[in-house]
Amino acid sequence: MKWSPYTMHAKNRLDDLINTTLRVSRGVVWAGVLSLLSSGVVLAQGLDLRGGGDSLPIGINAVGGIEWNQDQKVFIASGPAATATQGDMVIDADELRAYYRDADTGNTEIFRLDAVGQVRITSPGRIATGGHAVYDVDKSVVVLKDGNPVKLISGSDVIITNGQLEFWDQRNLAVARGGAQAARVDKRIRAEVLTAHFVKGDAGKSQIELIEAFDNVRIDTDSEQVFSDRAAYNVPTGLARLTGSVKIIRGGNQINGCSADIDLNTGISRLNSCDGAAVSGTTAGGAAGGVNAKPDASGRIHGVLEPKDRKK
């Protein structure tokens, strides 16, 4: 086909724009691009967008290019490697979808970012993986799921869940829902819901300071299992406080109480009765033991201890 000089000029100009990084500075698309591109066209491999509210700008890059759908007000970045960056947070996935809206100022801003397929979210001190993520830019909240399981790694701590993992950036908080587990070396905490509270450590990296567990709580160490309704675990000190139907099992021995304090580093446990009196349980074999279940009607702690000569 023979191109006319005018058509050839327009084609070359469009090719130059497509092969150049498209930039949206504070939400305003370059006028030259707006005059040439229509809904559904594939753009360049890079894109800078303004986040909603007072959030930082969001940069998007993709090996497979970026499609701009004006009808649905969405930019679609395709892989095999698509990356979104905001501040020190990086989201990698097979595909990214950035939804934008018209702001009151007349500019354009991103309010939601979807990541689909092999999602990996990194920030200083944290790595999270899953199959699908939704980032609410206005609230600074990321919901990660479909990971089989979803996983969060922070230093020596690993949190996994069969449900979803939420990152509340402004509260320095992560919430794991649905069959959640937190593990460090030979210690493991299981619950329906786990919350991990972060603080800034060395070199500005986030680290977990406190883990709270809710509903069907179970703590496993190398020597005992502890059950309760709720628990709070201070990660740096290794101390855990359990409340509500506490039961501690070590070997064949079990002690029940209303609350318990456990040093997960040493394995030492202390059971508390419902009226606040503290007791310790010792088996016939000389090992400390305790369990958190429902106490008797008097509120006293009771236990079942198996004699050493009856153990197999």
C-alpha atoms as a PDB file:
ATOM      1  CA  MET A   1       0.000   0.000   0.000  1.00  0.00           C
ATOM      2  CA  LYS A   2       1.273   3.444  -0.899  1.00  0.00           C
ATOM      3  CA  TRP A   3       0.949   6.026   1.872  1.00  0.00           C
ATOM      4  CA  SER A   4       0.191   9.661   1.099  1.00  0.00           C
ATOM      5  CA  PRO A   5       2.690  12.153   2.530  1.00  0.00           C
ATOM      6  CA  TYR A   6       0.101  13.374   5.082  1.00  0.00           C
ATOM      7  CA  THR A   7      -0.844   9.841   6.173  1.00  0.00           C
ATOM      8  CA  MET A   8       2.797   8.814   6.384  1.00  0.00           C
ATOM      9  CA  HIS A   9       3.570  11.814   8.582  1.00  0.00           C
ATOM     10  CA  ALA A  10       0.690  10.971  10.949  1.00  0.00           C
ATOM     11  CA  LYS A  11       1.729   7.317  11.110  1.00  0.00           C
ATOM     12  CA  ASN A  12       5.328   8.183  11.925  1.00  0.00           C
ATOM     13  CA  ARG A  13       4.216  10.593  14.616  1.00  0.00           C
ATOM     14  CA  LEU A  14       1.983   7.963  16.199  1.00  0.00           C
ATOM     15  CA  ASP A  15       4.777   5.370  16.055  1.00  0.00           C
ATOM     16  CA  ASP A  16       7.124   7.785  17.790  1.00  0.00           C
ATOM     17  CA  LEU A  17       4.604   8.368  20.570  1.00  0.00           C
ATOM     18  CA  ILE A  18       3.905   4.671  21.060  1.00  0.00           C
ATOM     19  CA  ASN A  19       7.616   3.881  21.271  1.00  0.00           C
ATOM     20  CA  THR A  20       8.183   6.662  23.790  1.00  0.00           C
ATOM     21  CA  THR A  21       7.265   6.491  27.463  1.00  0.00           C
ATOM     22  CA  LEU A  22       3.838   7.969  27.940  1.00  0.00           C
ATOM     23  CA  ARG A  23       3.681  10.225  30.941  1.00  0.00           C
ATOM     24  CA  VAL A  24       0.718  11.535  32.834  1.00  0.00           C
ATOM     25  CA  SER A  25       2.041  14.341  34.975  1.00  0.00           C
ATOM     26  CA  ARG A  26      -0.249  14.920  37.973  1.00  0.00           C
ATOM     27  CA  GLY A  27      -3.002  13.206  35.984  1.00  0.00           C
ATOM     28  CA  VAL A  28      -2.791  15.337  32.819  1.00  0.00           C
ATOM     29  CA  VAL A  29      -2.142  13.328  29.632  1.00  0.00           C
ATOM     30  CA  TRP A  30       0.019  14.997  26.998  1.00  0.00           C
ATOM     31  CA  ALA A  31      -2.143  16.838  24.539  1.00  0.00           C
ATOM     32  CA  GLY A  32      -0.317  15.304  21.560  1.00  0.00           C
ATOM     33  CA  VAL A  33      -1.276  11.838  22.731  1.00  0.00           C
ATOM     34  CA  LEU A  34      -4.891  12.789  23.388  1.00  0.00           C
ATOM     35  CA  SER A  35      -5.243  14.110  19.854  1.00  0.00           C
ATOM     36  CA  LEU A  36      -4.037  10.854  18.262  1.00  0.00           C
ATOM     37  CA  LEU A  37      -5.111   7.958  20.482  1.00  0.00           C
ATOM     38  CA  SER A  38      -8.581   6.462  20.728  1.00  0.00           C
ATOM     39  CA  SER A  39     -10.185   4.002  23.139  1.00  0.00           C
ATOM     40  CA  GLY A  40      -8.449   0.622  23.316  1.00  0.00           C
ATOM     41  CA  VAL A  41      -5.149   1.597  21.681  1.00  0.00           C
ATOM     42  CA  VAL A  42      -1.932   0.082  23.014  1.00  0.00           C
ATOM     43  CA  LEU A  43       0.347   2.707  24.523  1.00  0.00           C
ATOM     44  CA  ALA A  44       3.997   2.673  25.455  1.00  0.00           C
ATOM     45  CA  GLN A  45       5.623   0.556  28.154  1.00  0.00           C
ATOM     46  CA  GLY A  46       5.718   3.238  30.871  1.00  0.00           C
ATOM     47  CA  LEU A  47       3.113   5.384  32.589  1.00  0.00           C
ATOM     48  CA  ASP A  48       3.169   7.826  35.510  1.00  0.00           C
ATOM     49  CA  LEU A  49      -0.138   8.636  37.190  1.00  0.00           C
ATOM     50  CA  ARG A  50      -1.275  10.626  40.153  1.00  0.00           C
ATOM     51  CA  GLY A  51      -2.901   8.682  42.987  1.00  0.00           C
ATOM     52  CA  GLY A  52      -6.209   9.709  44.523  1.00  0.00           C
ATOM     53  CA  GLY A  53      -6.353  12.163  47.404  1.00  0.00           C
ATOM     54  CA  ASP A  54      -2.964  13.100  48.835  1.00  0.00           C
ATOM     55  CA  SER A  55      -1.261   9.825  47.876  1.00  0.00           C
ATOM     56  CA  LEU A  56       2.038   9.622  46.013  1.00  0.00           C
ATOM     57  CA  PRO A  57       2.212   9.275  42.215  1.00  0.00           C
ATOM     58  CA  ILE A  58       1.943   5.759  40.782  1.00  0.00           C
ATOM     59  CA  GLY A  59       4.360   4.628  38.080  1.00  0.00           C
ATOM     60  CA  ILE A  60       3.384   1.700  35.832  1.00  0.00           C
ATOM     61  CA  ASN A  61       5.663  -0.240  33.479  1.00  0.00           C
ATOM     62  CA  ALA A  62       4.931  -3.333  31.384  1.00  0.00           C
ATOM     63  CA  VAL A  63       6.910  -5.414  28.905  1.00  0.00           C
ATOM     64  CA  GLY A  64       3.772  -6.127  26.904  1.00  0.00           C
ATOM     65  CA  GLY A  65       2.743  -2.475  26.722  1.00  0.00           C
ATOM     66  CA  ILE A  66      -0.154  -0.519  28.219  1.00  0.00           C
ATOM     67  CA  GLU A  67      -3.650  -0.362  26.772  1.00  0.00           C
ATOM     68  CA  TRP A  68      -5.724   2.755  27.401  1.00  0.00           C
ATOM     69  CA  ASN A  69      -9.502   2.210  27.449  1.00  0.00           C
ATOM     70  CA  GLN A  70     -11.131   5.627  27.657  1.00  0.00           C
ATOM     71  CA  ASP A  71     -14.670   4.232  27.735  1.00  0.00           C
ATOM     72  CA  GLN A  72     -14.011   2.280  30.945  1.00  0.00           C
ATOM     73  CA  LYS A  73     -11.440   4.791  32.225  1.00  0.00           C
ATOM     74  CA  VAL A  74      -8.774   2.161  32.787  1.00  0.00           C
ATOM     75  CA  PHE A  75      -5.142   1.593  31.829  1.00  0.00           C
ATOM     76  CA  ILE A  76      -4.285  -2.117  31.334  1.00  0.00           C
ATOM     77  CA  ALA A  77      -0.630  -3.106  31.662  1.00  0.00           C
ATOM     78  CA  SER A  78       0.152  -6.603  30.412  1.00  0.00           C
ATOM     79  CA  GLY A  79       3.092  -8.879  31.152  1.00  0.00           C
ATOM     80  CA  PRO A  80       4.880 -11.135  31.245  1.00  0.00           C
ATOM     81  CA  ALA A  81       6.107  -8.515  33.715  1.00  0.00           C
ATOM     82  CA  ALA A  82       3.892  -5.593  34.756  1.00  0.00           C
ATOM     83  CA  THR A  83       5.017  -3.364  37.617  1.00  0.00           C
ATOM     84  CA  ALA A  84       3.375  -0.573  39.622  1.00  0.00           C
ATOM     85  CA  THR A  85       5.457   1.582  41.959  1.00  0.00           C
ATOM     86  CA  GLN A  86       4.272   4.050  44.587  1.00  0.00           C
ATOM     87  CA  GLY A  87       6.861   5.374  46.982  1.00  0.00           C
ATOM     88  CA  ASP A  88       8.717   2.345  48.369  1.00  0.00           C
ATOM     89  CA  MET A  89       5.915  -0.110  47.516  1.00  0.00           C
ATOM     90  CA  VAL A  90       6.220  -2.214  44.350  1.00  0.00           C
ATOM     91  CA  ILE A  91       3.461  -4.423  42.902  1.00  0.00           C
ATOM     92  CA  ASP A  92       4.419  -7.008  40.256  1.00  0.00           C
ATOM     93  CA  ALA A  93       1.857  -9.135  38.389  1.00  0.00           C
ATOM     94  CA  ASP A  94       0.976 -10.695  35.049  1.00  0.00           C
ATOM     95  CA  GLU A  95      -1.522  -7.872  34.493  1.00  0.00           C
ATOM     96  CA  LEU A  96      -2.276  -4.539  36.135  1.00  0.00           C
ATOM     97  CA  ARG A  97      -5.471  -2.520  35.750  1.00  0.00           C
ATOM     98  CA  ALA A  98      -5.353   1.117  36.871  1.00  0.00           C
ATOM     99  CA  TYR A  99      -8.798   2.735  37.141  1.00  0.00           C
ATOM    100  CA  TYR A 100      -8.906   6.524  37.015  1.00  0.00           C
ATOM    101  CA  ARG A 101     -11.450   9.289  37.512  1.00  0.00           C
ATOM    102  CA  ASP A 102     -11.754  12.986  36.824  1.00  0.00           C
ATOM    103  CA  ALA A 103     -10.800  15.006  39.882  1.00  0.00           C
ATOM    104  CA  ASP A 104     -12.454  18.257  40.968  1.00  0.00           C
ATOM    105  CA  THR A 105      -9.318  20.069  39.828  1.00  0.00           C
ATOM    106  CA  GLY A 106      -9.922  18.879  36.277  1.00  0.00           C
ATOM    107  CA  ASN A 107      -7.000  16.468  36.421  1.00  0.00           C
ATOM    108  CA  THR A 108      -7.098  12.676  36.258  1.00  0.00           C
ATOM    109  CA  GLU A 109      -6.233  10.470  39.239  1.00  0.00           C
ATOM    110  CA  ILE A 110      -5.996   6.750  39.960  1.00  0.00           C
ATOM    111  CA  PHE A 111      -8.367   5.485  42.670  1.00  0.00           C
ATOM    112  CA  ARG A 112      -8.023   1.689  42.256  1.00  0.00           C
ATOM    113  CA  LEU A 113      -5.346  -0.696  41.043  1.00  0.00           C
ATOM    114  CA  ASP A 114      -6.021  -4.399  40.340  1.00  0.00           C
ATOM    115  CA  ALA A 115      -3.184  -6.927  40.039  1.00  0.00           C
ATOM    116  CA  VAL A 116      -3.920 -10.322  38.479  1.00  0.00           C
ATOM    117  CA  GLY A 117      -1.709 -13.416  38.274  1.00  0.00           C
ATOM    118  CA  GLN A 118       1.506 -14.171  40.190  1.00  0.00           C
ATOM    119  CA  VAL A 119       1.138 -11.076  42.349  1.00  0.00           C
ATOM    120  CA  ARG A 120       4.150  -9.997  44.389  1.00  0.00           C
ATOM    121  CA  ILE A 121       4.057  -6.942  46.663  1.00  0.00           C
ATOM    122  CA  THR A 122       7.302  -5.679  48.168  1.00  0.00           C
ATOM    123  CA  SER A 123       8.250  -2.868  50.515  1.00  0.00           C
ATOM    124  CA  PRO A 124      11.239  -2.461  52.856  1.00  0.00           C
ATOM    125  CA  GLY A 125      11.194  -5.491  55.170  1.00  0.00           C
ATOM    126  CA  ARG A 126       8.101  -7.158  53.642  1.00  0.00           C
ATOM    127  CA  ILE A 127       7.283  -9.484  50.743  1.00  0.00           C
ATOM    128  CA  ALA A 128       3.745 -10.731  50.044  1.00  0.00           C
ATOM    129  CA  THR A 129       2.567 -13.111  47.324  1.00  0.00           C
ATOM    130  CA  GLY A 130      -0.836 -14.173  46.021  1.00  0.00           C
ATOM    131  CA  GLY A 131      -2.940 -14.609  42.925  1.00  0.00           C
ATOM    132  CA  HIS A 132      -5.017 -11.415  42.917  1.00  0.00           C
ATOM    133  CA  ALA A 133      -4.788  -8.034  44.646  1.00  0.00           C
ATOM    134  CA  VAL A 134      -6.954  -4.925  44.828  1.00  0.00           C
ATOM    135  CA  TYR A 135      -5.340  -1.663  45.940  1.00  0.00           C
ATOM    136  CA  ASP A 136      -7.727   1.017  47.222  1.00  0.00           C
ATOM    137  CA  VAL A 137      -5.565   4.077  46.611  1.00  0.00           C
ATOM    138  CA  ASP A 138      -7.779   6.492  48.572  1.00  0.00           C
ATOM    139  CA  LYS A 139      -7.636   4.359  51.750  1.00  0.00           C
ATOM    140  CA  SER A 140      -4.093   3.029  51.179  1.00  0.00           C
ATOM    141  CA  VAL A 141      -5.384  -0.528  51.663  1.00  0.00           C
ATOM    142  CA  VAL A 142      -4.299  -3.581  49.654  1.00  0.00           C
ATOM    143  CA  VAL A 143      -6.328  -6.825  49.731  1.00  0.00           C
ATOM    144  CA  LEU A 144      -4.390  -9.883  48.529  1.00  0.00           C
ATOM    145  CA  LYS A 145      -6.006 -13.305  47.956  1.00  0.00           C
ATOM    146  CA  ASP A 146      -6.069 -16.455  45.771  1.00  0.00           C
ATOM    147  CA  GLY A 147      -2.546 -17.501  46.671  1.00  0.00           C
ATOM    148  CA  ASN A 148      -3.028 -21.137  47.754  1.00  0.00           C
ATOM    149  CA  PRO A 149      -1.992 -19.898  50.257  1.00  0.00           C
ATOM    150  CA  VAL A 150      -1.417 -16.145  50.423  1.00  0.00           C
ATOM    151  CA  LYS A 151       1.948 -15.515  52.086  1.00  0.00           C
ATOM    152  CA  LEU A 152       3.653 -12.620  53.898  1.00  0.00           C
ATOM    153  CA  ILE A 153       7.347 -12.732  54.813  1.00  0.00           C
ATOM    154  CA  SER A 154       8.847 -10.184  57.198  1.00  0.00           C
ATOM    155  CA  GLY A 155      12.312 -11.045  58.454  1.00  0.00           C
ATOM    156  CA  SER A 156      12.098 -14.394  60.280  1.00  0.00           C
ATOM    157  CA  ASP A 157       8.299 -14.220  60.492  1.00  0.00           C
ATOM    158  CA  VAL A 158       6.021 -15.875  57.940  1.00  0.00           C
ATOM    159  CA  ILE A 159       2.232 -15.423  57.826  1.00  0.00           C
ATOM    160  CA  ILE A 160       0.055 -17.534  55.527  1.00  0.00           C
ATOM    161  CA  THR A 161      -3.701 -17.745  55.029  1.00  0.00           C
ATOM    162  CA  ASN A 162      -6.182 -19.626  52.873  1.00  0.00           C
ATOM    163  CA  GLY A 163      -8.416 -16.551  52.849  1.00  0.00           C
ATOM    164  CA  GLN A 164      -7.165 -13.015  52.292  1.00  0.00           C
ATOM    165  CA  LEU A 165      -4.407 -10.746  53.521  1.00  0.00           C
ATOM    166  CA  GLU A 166      -5.024  -7.024  54.022  1.00  0.00           C
ATOM    167  CA  PHE A 167      -2.383  -4.298  54.263  1.00  0.00           C
ATOM    168  CA  TRP A 168      -3.486  -1.102  56.032  1.00  0.00           C
ATOM    169  CA  ASP A 169      -0.547   1.143  55.206  1.00  0.00           C
ATOM    170  CA  GLN A 170      -1.562   4.179  57.257  1.00  0.00           C
ATOM    171  CA  ARG A 171      -2.042   1.984  60.349  1.00  0.00           C
ATOM    172  CA  ASN A 172       1.111  -0.145  59.826  1.00  0.00           C
ATOM    173  CA  LEU A 173      -1.114  -3.194  60.059  1.00  0.00           C
ATOM    174  CA  ALA A 174      -1.635  -6.485  58.200  1.00  0.00           C
ATOM    175  CA  VAL A 175      -4.729  -8.658  58.736  1.00  0.00           C
ATOM    176  CA  ALA A 176      -4.859 -12.337  57.705  1.00  0.00           C
ATOM    177  CA  ARG A 177      -8.350 -13.855  57.571  1.00  0.00           C
ATOM    178  CA  GLY A 178      -9.432 -17.472  57.151  1.00  0.00           C
ATOM    179  CA  GLY A 179      -7.272 -20.294  58.490  1.00  0.00           C
ATOM    180  CA  ALA A 180      -4.329 -17.988  59.215  1.00  0.00           C
ATOM    181  CA  GLN A 181      -0.939 -19.061  60.560  1.00  0.00           C
ATOM    182  CA  ALA A 182       2.119 -17.175  61.791  1.00  0.00           C
ATOM    183  CA  ALA A 183       5.409 -19.046  62.112  1.00  0.00           C
ATOM    184  CA  ARG A 184       8.928 -18.363  63.356  1.00  0.00           C
ATOM    185  CA  VAL A 185      11.394 -21.269  63.505  1.00  0.00           C
ATOM    186  CA  ASP A 186       9.678 -23.934  65.686  1.00  0.00           C
ATOM    187  CA  LYS A 187       6.875 -21.674  66.933  1.00  0.00           C
ATOM    188  CA  ARG A 188       3.510 -21.472  65.192  1.00  0.00           C
ATOM    189  CA  ILE A 189       0.288 -19.542  65.898  1.00  0.00           C
ATOM    190  CA  ARG A 190      -2.989 -20.521  64.237  1.00  0.00           C
ATOM    191  CA  ALA A 191      -6.305 -18.645  64.352  1.00  0.00           C
ATOM    192  CA  GLU A 192      -9.251 -17.599  62.240  1.00  0.00           C
ATOM    193  CA  VAL A 193      -7.897 -14.028  62.206  1.00  0.00           C
ATOM    194  CA  LEU A 194      -4.358 -12.770  62.776  1.00  0.00           C
ATOM    195  CA  THR A 195      -3.300  -9.128  62.928  1.00  0.00           C
ATOM    196  CA  ALA A 196       0.362  -8.151  62.569  1.00  0.00           C
ATOM    197  CA  HIS A 197       1.448  -4.729  63.833  1.00  0.00           C
ATOM    198  CA  PHE A 198       4.580  -3.309  62.189  1.00  0.00           C
ATOM    199  CA  VAL A 199       7.219  -0.840  63.350  1.00  0.00           C
ATOM    200  CA  LYS A 200      10.190   0.633  61.503  1.00  0.00           C
ATOM    201  CA  GLY A 201      13.419  -1.159  62.314  1.00  0.00           C
ATOM    202  CA  ASP A 202      16.981  -0.839  61.082  1.00  0.00           C
ATOM    203  CA  ALA A 203      17.463   0.992  57.783  1.00  0.00           C
ATOM    204  CA  GLY A 204      13.776   1.895  57.725  1.00  0.00           C
ATOM    205  CA  LYS A 205      12.646  -1.694  57.174  1.00  0.00           C
ATOM    206  CA  SER A 206       9.314  -2.807  58.629  1.00  0.00           C
ATOM    207  CA  GLN A 207       9.299  -5.588  61.203  1.00  0.00           C
ATOM    208  CA  ILE A 208       6.500  -7.246  63.147  1.00  0.00           C
ATOM    209  CA  GLU A 209       6.265  -6.093  66.764  1.00  0.00           C
ATOM    210  CA  LEU A 210       2.942  -7.613  67.844  1.00  0.00           C
ATOM    211  CA  ILE A 211       0.700 -10.409  66.569  1.00  0.00           C
ATOM    212  CA  GLU A 212      -2.884 -10.683  67.802  1.00  0.00           C
ATOM    213  CA  ALA A 213      -4.921 -13.854  67.262  1.00  0.00           C
ATOM    214  CA  PHE A 214      -8.702 -14.178  67.369  1.00  0.00           C
ATOM    215  CA  ASP A 215     -10.989 -17.262  67.473  1.00  0.00           C
ATOM    216  CA  ASN A 216      -9.860 -20.900  67.590  1.00  0.00           C
ATOM    217  CA  VAL A 217      -6.368 -19.890  68.637  1.00  0.00           C
ATOM    218  CA  ARG A 218      -3.665 -22.545  68.796  1.00  0.00           C
ATOM    219  CA  ILE A 219       0.003 -22.031  69.581  1.00  0.00           C
ATOM    220  CA  ASP A 220       2.485 -24.831  68.856  1.00  0.00           C
ATOM    221  CA  THR A 221       6.026 -25.038  70.191  1.00  0.00           C
ATOM    222  CA  ASP A 222       8.461 -27.952  70.115  1.00  0.00           C
ATOM    223  CA  SER A 223       7.009 -29.306  73.382  1.00  0.00           C
ATOM    224  CA  GLU A 224       3.392 -28.186  73.831  1.00  0.00           C
ATOM    225  CA  GLN A 225       0.114 -27.059  72.300  1.00  0.00           C
ATOM    226  CA  VAL A 226      -1.877 -24.153  73.715  1.00  0.00           C
ATOM    227  CA  PHE A 227      -5.509 -23.356  72.875  1.00  0.00           C
ATOM    228  CA  SER A 228      -7.566 -20.240  73.630  1.00  0.00           C
ATOM    229  CA  ASP A 229     -10.108 -17.767  72.283  1.00  0.00           C
ATOM    230  CA  ARG A 230      -7.638 -14.919  71.909  1.00  0.00           C
ATOM    231  CA  ALA A 231      -3.899 -14.274  72.140  1.00  0.00           C
ATOM    232  CA  ALA A 232      -1.417 -11.409  71.959  1.00  0.00           C
ATOM    233  CA  TYR A 233       2.186 -12.286  71.067  1.00  0.00           C
ATOM    234  CA  ASN A 234       5.007  -9.788  71.588  1.00  0.00           C
ATOM    235  CA  VAL A 235       7.418 -10.857  68.849  1.00  0.00           C
ATOM    236  CA  PRO A 236      10.673  -9.239  70.123  1.00  0.00           C
ATOM    237  CA  THR A 237      10.293 -10.633  73.671  1.00  0.00           C
ATOM    238  CA  GLY A 238       8.644 -13.948  72.771  1.00  0.00           C
ATOM    239  CA  LEU A 239       5.968 -13.447  75.442  1.00  0.00           C
ATOM    240  CA  ALA A 240       2.350 -14.378  74.730  1.00  0.00           C
ATOM    241  CA  ARG A 241      -0.796 -13.660  76.735  1.00  0.00           C
ATOM    242  CA  LEU A 242      -3.768 -15.952  76.082  1.00  0.00           C
ATOM    243  CA  THR A 243      -7.319 -15.360  77.296  1.00  0.00           C
ATOM    244  CA  GLY A 244     -10.628 -17.181  77.117  1.00  0.00           C
ATOM    245  CA  SER A 245     -10.959 -20.960  77.557  1.00  0.00           C
ATOM    246  CA  VAL A 246      -7.223 -21.552  77.803  1.00  0.00           C
ATOM    247  CA  LYS A 247      -5.903 -25.114  77.570  1.00  0.00           C
ATOM    248  CA  ILE A 248      -2.249 -26.149  77.629  1.00  0.00           C
ATOM    249  CA  ILE A 249      -1.226 -29.680  76.662  1.00  0.00           C
ATOM    250  CA  ARG A 250       2.242 -31.128  77.074  1.00  0.00           C
ATOM    251  CA  GLY A 251       2.648 -34.810  76.395  1.00  0.00           C
ATOM    252  CA  GLY A 252      -0.324 -36.509  78.060  1.00  0.00           C
ATOM    253  CA  ASN A 253      -0.817 -33.730  80.619  1.00  0.00           C
ATOM    254  CA  GLN A 254      -3.412 -30.970  80.455  1.00  0.00           C
ATOM    255  CA  ILE A 255      -4.256 -27.977  82.638  1.00  0.00           C
ATOM    256  CA  ASN A 256      -7.204 -25.606  82.132  1.00  0.00           C
ATOM    257  CA  GLY A 257      -7.664 -21.991  83.155  1.00  0.00           C
ATOM    258  CA  CYS A 258      -9.079 -18.600  82.193  1.00  0.00           C
ATOM    259  CA  SER A 259      -5.814 -17.028  81.004  1.00  0.00           C
ATOM    260  CA  ALA A 260      -2.166 -17.897  80.568  1.00  0.00           C
ATOM    261  CA  ASP A 261       1.214 -16.243  80.132  1.00  0.00           C
ATOM    262  CA  ILE A 262       3.729 -18.130  78.007  1.00  0.00           C
ATOM    263  CA  ASP A 263       7.362 -17.445  77.212  1.00  0.00           C
ATOM    264  CA  LEU A 264       7.721 -19.022  73.777  1.00  0.00           C
ATOM    265  CA  ASN A 265      11.513 -18.747  73.988  1.00  0.00           C
ATOM    266  CA  THR A 266      11.843 -20.828  77.168  1.00  0.00           C
ATOM    267  CA  GLY A 267       8.589 -22.813  77.093  1.00  0.00           C
ATOM    268  CA  ILE A 268       7.668 -21.691  80.628  1.00  0.00           C
ATOM    269  CA  SER A 269       3.896 -21.325  81.126  1.00  0.00           C
ATOM    270  CA  ARG A 270       1.807 -19.799  83.896  1.00  0.00           C
ATOM    271  CA  LEU A 271      -1.922 -20.430  84.237  1.00  0.00           C
ATOM    272  CA  ASN A 272      -4.288 -17.929  85.844  1.00  0.00           C
ATOM    273  CA  SER A 273      -7.633 -18.690  87.449  1.00  0.00           C
ATOM    274  CA  CYS A 274     -10.717 -16.639  86.729  1.00  0.00           C
ATOM    275  CA  ASP A 275     -10.328 -14.627  89.940  1.00  0.00           C
ATOM    276  CA  GLY A 276      -6.784 -13.636  88.995  1.00  0.00           C
ATOM    277  CA  ALA A 277      -4.861 -16.076  91.191  1.00  0.00           C
ATOM    278  CA  ALA A 278      -1.806 -17.499  89.437  1.00  0.00           C
ATOM    279  CA  VAL A 279      -0.743 -21.155  89.498  1.00  0.00           C
ATOM    280  CA  SER A 280       1.789 -23.371  87.743  1.00  0.00           C
ATOM    281  CA  GLY A 281       1.248 -26.942  86.612  1.00  0.00           C
ATOM    282  CA  THR A 282       3.929 -29.615  86.933  1.00  0.00           C
ATOM    283  CA  THR A 283       3.587 -33.154  85.667  1.00  0.00           C
ATOM    284  CA  ALA A 284       4.693 -36.231  87.560  1.00  0.00           C
ATOM    285  CA  GLY A 285       7.596 -36.420  85.120  1.00  0.00           C
ATOM    286  CA  GLY A 286       8.841 -32.988  86.206  1.00  0.00           C
ATOM    287  CA  ALA A 287       7.845 -31.023  83.098  1.00  0.00           C
ATOM    288  CA  ALA A 288       5.863 -27.819  83.383  1.00  0.00           C
ATOM    289  CA  GLY A 289       2.483 -27.993  81.733  1.00  0.00           C
ATOM    290  CA  GLY A 290      -0.682 -25.989  81.430  1.00  0.00           C
ATOM    291  CA  VAL A 291      -3.898 -25.794  79.385  1.00  0.00           C
ATOM    292  CA  ASN A 292      -6.546 -23.150  78.775  1.00  0.00           C
ATOM    293  CA  ALA A 293     -10.085 -24.530  78.729  1.00  0.00           C
ATOM    294  CA  LYS A 294     -13.197 -23.725  80.726  1.00  0.00           C
ATOM    295  CA  PRO A 295     -12.562 -23.821  84.497  1.00  0.00           C
ATOM    296  CA  ASP A 296     -15.000 -25.408  86.902  1.00  0.00           C
ATOM    297  CA  ALA A 297     -17.923 -23.564  88.466  1.00  0.00           C
ATOM    298  CA  SER A 298     -15.756 -22.225  91.287  1.00  0.00           C
ATOM    299  CA  GLY A 299     -13.381 -20.551  88.830  1.00  0.00           C
ATOM    300  CA  ARG A 300     -10.470 -22.687  90.008  1.00  0.00           C
ATOM    301  CA  ILE A 301      -7.872 -24.138  87.682  1.00  0.00           C
ATOM    302  CA  HIS A 302      -8.003 -27.888  87.230  1.00  0.00           C
ATOM    303  CA  GLY A 303      -5.789 -30.307  85.361  1.00  0.00           C
ATOM    304  CA  VAL A 304      -5.330 -33.905  84.355  1.00  0.00           C
ATOM    305  CA  LEU A 305      -1.794 -35.190  84.994  1.00  0.00           C
ATOM    306  CA  GLU A 306      -0.665 -38.580  83.746  1.00  0.00           C
ATOM    307  CA  PRO A 307       1.841 -40.405  86.025  1.00  0.00           C
ATOM    308  CA  LYS A 308       5.249 -40.963  84.488  1.00  0.00           C
ATOM    309  CA  ASP A 309       5.116 -44.773  84.813  1.00  0.00           C
ATOM    310  CA  ARG A 310       1.882 -44.872  82.799  1.00  0.00           C
ATOM    311  CA  LYS A 311       3.317 -42.972  79.834  1.00  0.00           C
ATOM    312  CA  LYS A 312       4.378 -45.041  76.862  1.00  0.00           C
END
